[in-house]
């Protein structure tokens, strides 16, 4: 479903960080066009 798509990734510092999500998406040939990890308090 995500193969060949582009994604915007917003991760959370205490949850799943954006580099981890980006690594998972690379396995299905998805390109991250924006990746950000934030701390939500």
N, C-alpha and C. Protein backbone atom coordinates (compact mmCIF):
# COMPACT_ATOMS: atom_id res chain seq x y z
N UNK A 1 0.82 -1.19 0.00
CA UNK A 1 0.00 0.00 0.00
C UNK A 1 0.87 1.27 0.00
N UNK A 2 2.03 1.22 0.64
CA UNK A 2 2.90 2.40 0.72
C UNK A 2 4.03 2.38 -0.29
N UNK A 3 4.17 1.30 -1.03
CA UNK A 3 5.29 1.16 -1.96
C UNK A 3 5.31 2.27 -2.99
N UNK A 4 6.46 2.97 -3.09
CA UNK A 4 6.63 4.03 -4.08
C UNK A 4 6.00 5.36 -3.70
N UNK A 5 5.47 5.48 -2.49
CA UNK A 5 4.83 6.72 -2.05
C UNK A 5 5.84 7.61 -1.34
N UNK A 6 5.42 8.84 -1.05
CA UNK A 6 6.20 9.78 -0.26
C UNK A 6 5.47 10.01 1.06
N UNK A 7 6.24 10.21 2.14
CA UNK A 7 5.63 10.31 3.46
C UNK A 7 6.19 11.48 4.24
N UNK A 8 5.34 12.05 5.08
CA UNK A 8 5.74 13.03 6.09
C UNK A 8 5.68 12.30 7.42
N UNK A 9 6.79 12.31 8.15
CA UNK A 9 6.90 11.54 9.39
C UNK A 9 7.02 12.49 10.57
N UNK A 10 6.15 12.31 11.56
CA UNK A 10 6.23 13.06 12.81
C UNK A 10 6.30 12.04 13.94
N UNK A 11 7.45 11.99 14.59
CA UNK A 11 7.65 11.06 15.69
C UNK A 11 7.58 11.77 17.02
N UNK A 12 7.62 10.99 18.09
CA UNK A 12 7.58 11.55 19.43
C UNK A 12 8.82 11.09 20.19
N UNK A 13 9.41 11.99 20.95
CA UNK A 13 10.66 11.68 21.65
C UNK A 13 10.49 10.54 22.64
N UNK A 14 9.42 10.49 23.40
CA UNK A 14 9.20 9.45 24.40
C UNK A 14 8.49 8.23 23.82
N UNK A 15 8.03 8.33 22.59
CA UNK A 15 7.36 7.21 21.94
C UNK A 15 8.25 6.65 20.85
N UNK A 16 7.75 6.65 19.64
CA UNK A 16 8.51 6.16 18.49
C UNK A 16 9.11 7.37 17.77
N UNK A 17 10.42 7.45 17.72
CA UNK A 17 11.11 8.57 17.08
C UNK A 17 11.03 8.45 15.56
N UNK A 18 11.11 9.57 14.89
CA UNK A 18 10.97 9.59 13.43
C UNK A 18 12.05 8.77 12.70
N UNK A 19 13.31 8.69 13.16
CA UNK A 19 14.27 7.84 12.45
C UNK A 19 13.86 6.36 12.45
N UNK A 20 13.21 5.91 13.51
CA UNK A 20 12.76 4.52 13.56
C UNK A 20 11.63 4.28 12.55
N UNK A 21 10.71 5.22 12.45
CA UNK A 21 9.62 5.11 11.48
C UNK A 21 10.18 5.16 10.07
N UNK A 22 11.14 6.06 9.85
CA UNK A 22 11.76 6.20 8.53
C UNK A 22 12.46 4.91 8.11
N UNK A 23 13.13 4.26 9.04
CA UNK A 23 13.82 3.00 8.74
C UNK A 23 12.82 1.92 8.34
N UNK A 24 11.67 1.88 8.99
CA UNK A 24 10.63 0.91 8.64
C UNK A 24 10.06 1.19 7.26
N UNK A 25 9.86 2.45 6.94
CA UNK A 25 9.29 2.81 5.64
C UNK A 25 10.25 2.53 4.50
N UNK A 26 11.56 2.60 4.76
CA UNK A 26 12.55 2.32 3.71
C UNK A 26 12.48 0.87 3.26
N UNK A 27 12.03 -0.03 4.13
CA UNK A 27 11.94 -1.44 3.76
C UNK A 27 10.84 -1.70 2.74
N UNK A 28 9.88 -0.78 2.62
CA UNK A 28 8.80 -0.94 1.63
C UNK A 28 8.92 0.10 0.51
N UNK A 29 10.14 0.66 0.34
CA UNK A 29 10.42 1.58 -0.77
C UNK A 29 9.58 2.85 -0.71
N UNK A 30 9.44 3.42 0.49
CA UNK A 30 8.74 4.68 0.68
C UNK A 30 9.76 5.77 0.99
N UNK A 31 9.61 6.95 0.39
CA UNK A 31 10.55 8.05 0.58
C UNK A 31 10.00 9.03 1.61
N UNK A 32 10.83 9.37 2.59
CA UNK A 32 10.45 10.38 3.59
C UNK A 32 10.85 11.74 3.04
N UNK A 33 9.88 12.62 2.82
CA UNK A 33 10.19 13.95 2.33
C UNK A 33 10.36 14.95 3.48
N UNK A 34 9.87 14.59 4.67
CA UNK A 34 10.03 15.42 5.86
C UNK A 34 9.98 14.50 7.06
N UNK A 35 10.95 14.64 7.97
CA UNK A 35 11.01 13.79 9.15
C UNK A 35 11.32 14.66 10.36
N UNK A 36 10.51 14.52 11.42
CA UNK A 36 10.64 15.39 12.58
C UNK A 36 10.30 14.61 13.84
N UNK A 37 11.09 14.80 14.90
CA UNK A 37 10.77 14.22 16.21
C UNK A 37 10.52 15.36 17.17
N UNK A 38 9.38 15.33 17.83
CA UNK A 38 8.99 16.37 18.76
C UNK A 38 8.77 15.79 20.16
N UNK A 39 8.79 16.65 21.15
CA UNK A 39 8.46 16.29 22.52
C UNK A 39 7.13 16.94 22.86
N UNK A 40 6.12 16.13 23.06
CA UNK A 40 4.79 16.65 23.39
C UNK A 40 4.58 16.55 24.89
N UNK A 41 4.34 17.68 25.53
CA UNK A 41 4.11 17.70 26.97
C UNK A 41 2.76 18.26 27.29
